[in-house]
Amino acid sequence: MRTKNSLILVFLLLSALVLSTLIGTLTQNVSYLKWLTWGDSIGFDTVNLDLSIIKLSLSFYMQTNVLQVILIASSLLLFKKIR
């Protein structure tokens, strides 16, 4: 039962991210819906760790917008209602 709830949550969150990207791309050039694509990016550039034996590079970059926040919040509310 717990696994089923976890899979439903992951599915809802991933579908919210995909839908927000799709809708954001479609509404990017519509003047009265442009506010949905407003957002910012957070992250850091490559961090290198060289230990002579192992070389490790790590970077993180995430871009968010208003539509993603709205759809993720609505998917969490839907999950709460389903569960």
PDB file of N, CA and C in Angstrom:
ATOM      1  N   MET A   1       0.822  -1.194   0.000  1.00  0.00           N
ATOM      2  CA  MET A   1       0.000   0.000   0.000  1.00  0.00           C
ATOM      3  C   MET A   1       0.869   1.264   0.000  1.00  0.00           C
ATOM      4  N   ARG A   2       1.956   1.223   0.787  1.00  0.00           N
ATOM      5  CA  ARG A   2       2.843   2.373   0.833  1.00  0.00           C
ATOM      6  C   ARG A   2       3.545   2.595  -0.487  1.00  0.00           C
ATOM      7  N   THR A   3       3.927   1.502  -1.128  1.00  0.00           N
ATOM      8  CA  THR A   3       4.602   1.595  -2.423  1.00  0.00           C
ATOM      9  C   THR A   3       3.665   2.170  -3.466  1.00  0.00           C
ATOM     10  N   LYS A   4       2.407   1.777  -3.407  1.00  0.00           N
ATOM     11  CA  LYS A   4       1.429   2.285  -4.357  1.00  0.00           C
ATOM     12  C   LYS A   4       1.244   3.797  -4.181  1.00  0.00           C
ATOM     13  N   ASN A   5       1.163   4.256  -2.939  1.00  0.00           N
ATOM     14  CA  ASN A   5       1.031   5.695  -2.688  1.00  0.00           C
ATOM     15  C   ASN A   5       2.263   6.458  -3.161  1.00  0.00           C
ATOM     16  N   SER A   6       3.433   5.877  -2.951  1.00  0.00           N
ATOM     17  CA  SER A   6       4.666   6.533  -3.396  1.00  0.00           C
ATOM     18  C   SER A   6       4.726   6.633  -4.910  1.00  0.00           C
ATOM     19  N   LEU A   7       4.315   5.576  -5.583  1.00  0.00           N
ATOM     20  CA  LEU A   7       4.320   5.599  -7.051  1.00  0.00           C
ATOM     21  C   LEU A   7       3.308   6.607  -7.590  1.00  0.00           C
ATOM     22  N   ILE A   8       2.161   6.704  -6.949  1.00  0.00           N
ATOM     23  CA  ILE A   8       1.158   7.690  -7.374  1.00  0.00           C
ATOM     24  C   ILE A   8       1.699   9.098  -7.191  1.00  0.00           C
ATOM     25  N   LEU A   9       2.358   9.357  -6.069  1.00  0.00           N
ATOM     26  CA  LEU A   9       2.933  10.683  -5.821  1.00  0.00           C
ATOM     27  C   LEU A   9       4.005  11.024  -6.846  1.00  0.00           C
ATOM     28  N   VAL A  10       4.894  10.092  -7.133  1.00  0.00           N
ATOM     29  CA  VAL A  10       5.950  10.335  -8.119  1.00  0.00           C
ATOM     30  C   VAL A  10       5.339  10.582  -9.490  1.00  0.00           C
ATOM     31  N   PHE A  11       4.338   9.787  -9.858  1.00  0.00           N
ATOM     32  CA  PHE A  11       3.681   9.980 -11.149  1.00  0.00           C
ATOM     33  C   PHE A  11       3.026  11.353 -11.240  1.00  0.00           C
ATOM     34  N   LEU A  12       2.320  11.776 -10.189  1.00  0.00           N
ATOM     35  CA  LEU A  12       1.665  13.085 -10.208  1.00  0.00           C
ATOM     36  C   LEU A  12       2.678  14.225 -10.298  1.00  0.00           C
ATOM     37  N   LEU A  13       3.778  14.114  -9.568  1.00  0.00           N
ATOM     38  CA  LEU A  13       4.789  15.168  -9.607  1.00  0.00           C
ATOM     39  C   LEU A  13       5.481  15.241 -10.966  1.00  0.00           C
ATOM     40  N   LEU A  14       5.832  14.090 -11.521  1.00  0.00           N
ATOM     41  CA  LEU A  14       6.477  14.089 -12.838  1.00  0.00           C
ATOM     42  C   LEU A  14       5.536  14.580 -13.927  1.00  0.00           C
ATOM     43  N   SER A  15       4.273  14.200 -13.845  1.00  0.00           N
ATOM     44  CA  SER A  15       3.319  14.686 -14.846  1.00  0.00           C
ATOM     45  C   SER A  15       3.098  16.186 -14.706  1.00  0.00           C
ATOM     46  N   ALA A  16       3.137  16.714 -13.486  1.00  0.00           N
ATOM     47  CA  ALA A  16       3.023  18.160 -13.291  1.00  0.00           C
ATOM     48  C   ALA A  16       4.204  18.889 -13.907  1.00  0.00           C
ATOM     49  N   LEU A  17       5.404  18.333 -13.761  1.00  0.00           N
ATOM     50  CA  LEU A  17       6.593  18.961 -14.352  1.00  0.00           C
ATOM     51  C   LEU A  17       6.553  18.927 -15.874  1.00  0.00           C
ATOM     52  N   VAL A  18       6.135  17.799 -16.435  1.00  0.00           N
ATOM     53  CA  VAL A  18       6.061  17.686 -17.894  1.00  0.00           C
ATOM     54  C   VAL A  18       4.985  18.614 -18.448  1.00  0.00           C
ATOM     55  N   LEU A  19       3.819  18.629 -17.809  1.00  0.00           N
ATOM     56  CA  LEU A  19       2.743  19.508 -18.276  1.00  0.00           C
ATOM     57  C   LEU A  19       3.124  20.979 -18.154  1.00  0.00           C
ATOM     58  N   SER A  20       3.819  21.340 -17.078  1.00  0.00           N
ATOM     59  CA  SER A  20       4.208  22.747 -16.927  1.00  0.00           C
ATOM     60  C   SER A  20       5.206  23.157 -17.994  1.00  0.00           C
ATOM     61  N   THR A  21       6.098  22.262 -18.367  1.00  0.00           N
ATOM     62  CA  THR A  21       7.039  22.574 -19.443  1.00  0.00           C
ATOM     63  C   THR A  21       6.312  22.721 -20.771  1.00  0.00           C
ATOM     64  N   LEU A  22       5.390  21.826 -21.047  1.00  0.00           N
ATOM     65  CA  LEU A  22       4.633  21.880 -22.293  1.00  0.00           C
ATOM     66  C   LEU A  22       3.759  23.132 -22.364  1.00  0.00           C
ATOM     67  N   ILE A  23       3.008  23.403 -21.330  1.00  0.00           N
ATOM     68  CA  ILE A  23       2.131  24.578 -21.318  1.00  0.00           C
ATOM     69  C   ILE A  23       2.953  25.861 -21.328  1.00  0.00           C
ATOM     70  N   GLY A  24       4.073  25.863 -20.606  1.00  0.00           N
ATOM     71  CA  GLY A  24       4.949  27.038 -20.599  1.00  0.00           C
ATOM     72  C   GLY A  24       5.515  27.344 -21.968  1.00  0.00           C
ATOM     73  N   THR A  25       5.871  26.311 -22.706  1.00  0.00           N
ATOM     74  CA  THR A  25       6.379  26.513 -24.066  1.00  0.00           C
ATOM     75  C   THR A  25       5.281  27.036 -24.988  1.00  0.00           C
ATOM     76  N   LEU A  26       4.083  26.514 -24.833  1.00  0.00           N
ATOM     77  CA  LEU A  26       2.977  26.947 -25.689  1.00  0.00           C
ATOM     78  C   LEU A  26       2.512  28.372 -25.388  1.00  0.00           C
ATOM     79  N   THR A  27       2.567  28.785 -24.119  1.00  0.00           N
ATOM     80  CA  THR A  27       2.079  30.111 -23.739  1.00  0.00           C
ATOM     81  C   THR A  27       3.180  31.161 -23.674  1.00  0.00           C
ATOM     82  N   GLN A  28       4.365  30.828 -24.095  1.00  0.00           N
ATOM     83  CA  GLN A  28       5.495  31.752 -24.002  1.00  0.00           C
ATOM     84  C   GLN A  28       5.292  33.012 -24.840  1.00  0.00           C
ATOM     85  N   ASN A  29       4.649  32.900 -25.968  1.00  0.00           N
ATOM     86  CA  ASN A  29       4.475  34.043 -26.858  1.00  0.00           C
ATOM     87  C   ASN A  29       3.110  34.699 -26.735  1.00  0.00           C
ATOM     88  N   VAL A  30       2.258  34.235 -25.836  1.00  0.00           N
ATOM     89  CA  VAL A  30       0.947  34.843 -25.613  1.00  0.00           C
ATOM     90  C   VAL A  30       1.129  35.941 -24.573  1.00  0.00           C
ATOM     91  N   SER A  31       0.759  37.166 -24.931  1.00  0.00           N
ATOM     92  CA  SER A  31       1.092  38.310 -24.085  1.00  0.00           C
ATOM     93  C   SER A  31       0.408  38.274 -22.720  1.00  0.00           C
ATOM     94  N   TYR A  32      -0.847  37.874 -22.639  1.00  0.00           N
ATOM     95  CA  TYR A  32      -1.550  37.904 -21.355  1.00  0.00           C
ATOM     96  C   TYR A  32      -1.283  36.656 -20.504  1.00  0.00           C
ATOM     97  N   LEU A  33      -0.568  35.678 -21.038  1.00  0.00           N
ATOM     98  CA  LEU A  33      -0.188  34.495 -20.264  1.00  0.00           C
ATOM     99  C   LEU A  33       1.321  34.421 -20.025  1.00  0.00           C
ATOM    100  N   LYS A  34       2.017  35.480 -20.367  1.00  0.00           N
ATOM    101  CA  LYS A  34       3.469  35.493 -20.228  1.00  0.00           C
ATOM    102  C   LYS A  34       3.911  35.389 -18.763  1.00  0.00           C
ATOM    103  N   TRP A  35       3.058  35.826 -17.831  1.00  0.00           N
ATOM    104  CA  TRP A  35       3.402  35.772 -16.420  1.00  0.00           C
ATOM    105  C   TRP A  35       3.550  34.329 -15.921  1.00  0.00           C
ATOM    106  N   LEU A  36       2.958  33.377 -16.611  1.00  0.00           N
ATOM    107  CA  LEU A  36       3.090  31.978 -16.211  1.00  0.00           C
ATOM    108  C   LEU A  36       4.508  31.450 -16.412  1.00  0.00           C
ATOM    109  N   THR A  37       5.222  32.040 -17.349  1.00  0.00           N
ATOM    110  CA  THR A  37       6.581  31.568 -17.649  1.00  0.00           C
ATOM    111  C   THR A  37       7.655  32.352 -16.894  1.00  0.00           C
ATOM    112  N   TRP A  38       7.245  33.301 -16.051  1.00  0.00           N
ATOM    113  CA  TRP A  38       8.235  34.042 -15.279  1.00  0.00           C
ATOM    114  C   TRP A  38       8.853  33.106 -14.255  1.00  0.00           C
ATOM    115  N   GLY A  39      10.153  33.139 -14.150  1.00  0.00           N
ATOM    116  CA  GLY A  39      10.818  32.267 -13.189  1.00  0.00           C
ATOM    117  C   GLY A  39      12.283  32.613 -13.049  1.00  0.00           C
ATOM    118  N   ASP A  40      12.963  31.798 -12.322  1.00  0.00           N
ATOM    119  CA  ASP A  40      14.377  32.012 -12.077  1.00  0.00           C
ATOM    120  C   ASP A  40      15.063  30.648 -11.990  1.00  0.00           C
ATOM    121  N   SER A  41      16.361  30.673 -12.031  1.00  0.00           N
ATOM    122  CA  SER A  41      17.115  29.436 -11.945  1.00  0.00           C
ATOM    123  C   SER A  41      18.042  29.498 -10.739  1.00  0.00           C
ATOM    124  N   ILE A  42      18.249  28.337 -10.139  1.00  0.00           N
ATOM    125  CA  ILE A  42      19.172  28.247  -9.021  1.00  0.00           C
ATOM    126  C   ILE A  42      20.136  27.102  -9.305  1.00  0.00           C
ATOM    127  N   GLY A  43      21.280  27.151  -8.683  1.00  0.00           N
ATOM    128  CA  GLY A  43      22.238  26.072  -8.861  1.00  0.00           C
ATOM    129  C   GLY A  43      23.656  26.548  -8.671  1.00  0.00           C
ATOM    130  N   PHE A  44      24.571  25.645  -8.917  1.00  0.00           N
ATOM    131  CA  PHE A  44      25.985  25.987  -8.861  1.00  0.00           C
ATOM    132  C   PHE A  44      26.701  25.299 -10.009  1.00  0.00           C
ATOM    133  N   ASP A  45      27.787  25.922 -10.403  1.00  0.00           N
ATOM    134  CA  ASP A  45      28.577  25.383 -11.505  1.00  0.00           C
ATOM    135  C   ASP A  45      29.395  24.186 -11.036  1.00  0.00           C
ATOM    136  N   THR A  46      30.179  23.688 -11.922  1.00  0.00           N
ATOM    137  CA  THR A  46      30.924  22.464 -11.686  1.00  0.00           C
ATOM    138  C   THR A  46      31.900  22.602 -10.524  1.00  0.00           C
ATOM    139  N   VAL A  47      31.828  21.641  -9.626  1.00  0.00           N
ATOM    140  CA  VAL A  47      32.777  21.520  -8.530  1.00  0.00           C
ATOM    141  C   VAL A  47      33.617  20.284  -8.830  1.00  0.00           C
ATOM    142  N   ASN A  48      34.920  20.455  -8.870  1.00  0.00           N
ATOM    143  CA  ASN A  48      35.820  19.348  -9.205  1.00  0.00           C
ATOM    144  C   ASN A  48      36.565  18.873  -7.969  1.00  0.00           C
ATOM    145  N   LEU A  49      36.645  17.557  -7.834  1.00  0.00           N
ATOM    146  CA  LEU A  49      37.416  16.941  -6.768  1.00  0.00           C
ATOM    147  C   LEU A  49      38.370  15.935  -7.405  1.00  0.00           C
ATOM    148  N   ASP A  50      39.659  16.192  -7.274  1.00  0.00           N
ATOM    149  CA  ASP A  50      40.676  15.328  -7.871  1.00  0.00           C
ATOM    150  C   ASP A  50      41.453  14.644  -6.751  1.00  0.00           C
ATOM    151  N   LEU A  51      41.304  13.327  -6.642  1.00  0.00           N
ATOM    152  CA  LEU A  51      41.984  12.568  -5.601  1.00  0.00           C
ATOM    153  C   LEU A  51      43.082  11.673  -6.160  1.00  0.00           C
ATOM    154  N   SER A  52      43.593  11.998  -7.317  1.00  0.00           N
ATOM    155  CA  SER A  52      44.635  11.245  -8.006  1.00  0.00           C
ATOM    156  C   SER A  52      44.128   9.926  -8.566  1.00  0.00           C
ATOM    157  N   ILE A  53      43.293   9.245  -7.862  1.00  0.00           N
ATOM    158  CA  ILE A  53      42.738   7.981  -8.338  1.00  0.00           C
ATOM    159  C   ILE A  53      41.375   8.214  -8.977  1.00  0.00           C
ATOM    160  N   ILE A  54      40.592   9.081  -8.362  1.00  0.00           N
ATOM    161  CA  ILE A  54      39.225   9.356  -8.810  1.00  0.00           C
ATOM    162  C   ILE A  54      39.086  10.851  -9.053  1.00  0.00           C
ATOM    163  N   LYS A  55      38.496  11.193 -10.170  1.00  0.00           N
ATOM    164  CA  LYS A  55      38.143  12.580 -10.448  1.00  0.00           C
ATOM    165  C   LYS A  55      36.631  12.681 -10.424  1.00  0.00           C
ATOM    166  N   LEU A  56      36.116  13.594  -9.641  1.00  0.00           N
ATOM    167  CA  LEU A  56      34.684  13.736  -9.459  1.00  0.00           C
ATOM    168  C   LEU A  56      34.273  15.156  -9.817  1.00  0.00           C
ATOM    169  N   SER A  57      33.272  15.273 -10.667  1.00  0.00           N
ATOM    170  CA  SER A  57      32.720  16.577 -11.038  1.00  0.00           C
ATOM    171  C   SER A  57      31.241  16.578 -10.691  1.00  0.00           C
ATOM    172  N   LEU A  58      30.789  17.679 -10.117  1.00  0.00           N
ATOM    173  CA  LEU A  58      29.404  17.768  -9.692  1.00  0.00           C
ATOM    174  C   LEU A  58      28.877  19.159 -10.005  1.00  0.00           C
ATOM    175  N   SER A  59      27.697  19.223 -10.578  1.00  0.00           N
ATOM    176  CA  SER A  59      27.028  20.503 -10.803  1.00  0.00           C
ATOM    177  C   SER A  59      25.536  20.303 -10.621  1.00  0.00           C
ATOM    178  N   PHE A  60      24.848  21.369 -10.271  1.00  0.00           N
ATOM    179  CA  PHE A  60      23.422  21.318 -10.032  1.00  0.00           C
ATOM    180  C   PHE A  60      22.800  22.572 -10.625  1.00  0.00           C
ATOM    181  N   TYR A  61      21.704  22.402 -11.364  1.00  0.00           N
ATOM    182  CA  TYR A  61      21.040  23.524 -12.004  1.00  0.00           C
ATOM    183  C   TYR A  61      19.548  23.210 -12.078  1.00  0.00           C
ATOM    184  N   MET A  62      18.722  24.104 -11.582  1.00  0.00           N
ATOM    185  CA  MET A  62      17.283  23.893 -11.610  1.00  0.00           C
ATOM    186  C   MET A  62      16.597  25.205 -11.984  1.00  0.00           C
ATOM    187  N   GLN A  63      15.676  25.122 -12.912  1.00  0.00           N
ATOM    188  CA  GLN A  63      14.943  26.293 -13.351  1.00  0.00           C
ATOM    189  C   GLN A  63      13.474  26.101 -12.980  1.00  0.00           C
ATOM    190  N   THR A  64      12.912  27.094 -12.298  1.00  0.00           N
ATOM    191  CA  THR A  64      11.508  27.023 -11.894  1.00  0.00           C
ATOM    192  C   THR A  64      10.753  28.202 -12.473  1.00  0.00           C
ATOM    193  N   ASN A  65       9.440  28.027 -12.627  1.00  0.00           N
ATOM    194  CA  ASN A  65       8.589  29.132 -13.054  1.00  0.00           C
ATOM    195  C   ASN A  65       7.253  29.058 -12.314  1.00  0.00           C
ATOM    196  N   VAL A  66       6.420  30.044 -12.507  1.00  0.00           N
ATOM    197  CA  VAL A  66       5.151  30.145 -11.795  1.00  0.00           C
ATOM    198  C   VAL A  66       4.249  28.958 -12.111  1.00  0.00           C
ATOM    199  N   LEU A  67       4.201  28.567 -13.347  1.00  0.00           N
ATOM    200  CA  LEU A  67       3.342  27.455 -13.756  1.00  0.00           C
ATOM    201  C   LEU A  67       3.749  26.151 -13.082  1.00  0.00           C
ATOM    202  N   GLN A  68       5.037  25.909 -12.918  1.00  0.00           N
ATOM    203  CA  GLN A  68       5.491  24.705 -12.230  1.00  0.00           C
ATOM    204  C   GLN A  68       5.038  24.696 -10.781  1.00  0.00           C
ATOM    205  N   VAL A  69       5.143  25.834 -10.125  1.00  0.00           N
ATOM    206  CA  VAL A  69       4.722  25.918  -8.727  1.00  0.00           C
ATOM    207  C   VAL A  69       3.223  25.648  -8.608  1.00  0.00           C
ATOM    208  N   ILE A  70       2.431  26.227  -9.501  1.00  0.00           N
ATOM    209  CA  ILE A  70       0.982  26.031  -9.472  1.00  0.00           C
ATOM    210  C   ILE A  70       0.625  24.571  -9.714  1.00  0.00           C
ATOM    211  N   LEU A  71       1.221  23.950 -10.721  1.00  0.00           N
ATOM    212  CA  LEU A  71       0.878  22.566 -11.046  1.00  0.00           C
ATOM    213  C   LEU A  71       1.411  21.574 -10.010  1.00  0.00           C
ATOM    214  N   ILE A  72       2.555  21.824  -9.420  1.00  0.00           N
ATOM    215  CA  ILE A  72       3.055  20.935  -8.376  1.00  0.00           C
ATOM    216  C   ILE A  72       2.177  21.038  -7.131  1.00  0.00           C
ATOM    217  N   ALA A  73       1.765  22.250  -6.780  1.00  0.00           N
ATOM    218  CA  ALA A  73       0.875  22.413  -5.634  1.00  0.00           C
ATOM    219  C   ALA A  73      -0.465  21.723  -5.876  1.00  0.00           C
ATOM    220  N   SER A  74      -0.994  21.855  -7.087  1.00  0.00           N
ATOM    221  CA  SER A  74      -2.264  21.201  -7.383  1.00  0.00           C
ATOM    222  C   SER A  74      -2.121  19.681  -7.427  1.00  0.00           C
ATOM    223  N   SER A  75      -0.971  19.170  -7.870  1.00  0.00           N
ATOM    224  CA  SER A  75      -0.774  17.719  -7.858  1.00  0.00           C
ATOM    225  C   SER A  75      -0.648  17.194  -6.433  1.00  0.00           C
ATOM    226  N   LEU A  76      -0.028  17.965  -5.534  1.00  0.00           N
ATOM    227  CA  LEU A  76       0.037  17.559  -4.135  1.00  0.00           C
ATOM    228  C   LEU A  76      -1.345  17.564  -3.486  1.00  0.00           C
ATOM    229  N   LEU A  77      -2.158  18.550  -3.819  1.00  0.00           N
ATOM    230  CA  LEU A  77      -3.535  18.572  -3.310  1.00  0.00           C
ATOM    231  C   LEU A  77      -4.350  17.406  -3.855  1.00  0.00           C
ATOM    232  N   LEU A  78      -4.153  17.080  -5.115  1.00  0.00           N
ATOM    233  CA  LEU A  78      -4.843  15.941  -5.712  1.00  0.00           C
ATOM    234  C   LEU A  78      -4.406  14.637  -5.053  1.00  0.00           C
ATOM    235  N   PHE A  79      -3.124  14.500  -4.758  1.00  0.00           N
ATOM    236  CA  PHE A  79      -2.621  13.316  -4.079  1.00  0.00           C
ATOM    237  C   PHE A  79      -3.241  13.182  -2.692  1.00  0.00           C
ATOM    238  N   LYS A  80      -3.337  14.293  -1.988  1.00  0.00           N
ATOM    239  CA  LYS A  80      -3.935  14.271  -0.651  1.00  0.00           C
ATOM    240  C   LYS A  80      -5.399  13.850  -0.720  1.00  0.00           C
ATOM    241  N   LYS A  81      -6.095  14.295  -1.757  1.00  0.00           N
ATOM    242  CA  LYS A  81      -7.502  13.944  -1.925  1.00  0.00           C
ATOM    243  C   LYS A  81      -7.657  12.475  -2.329  1.00  0.00           C
ATOM    244  N   ILE A  82      -6.780  11.970  -3.177  1.00  0.00           N
ATOM    245  CA  ILE A  82      -6.841  10.581  -3.634  1.00  0.00           C
ATOM    246  C   ILE A  82      -6.517   9.629  -2.486  1.00  0.00           C
ATOM    247  N   ARG A  83      -5.503   9.959  -1.737  1.00  0.00           N
ATOM    248  CA  ARG A  83      -5.034   9.081  -0.679  1.00  0.00           C
ATOM    249  C   ARG A  83      -6.053   9.026   0.395  1.00  0.00           C
TER     250      ARG A  83
END
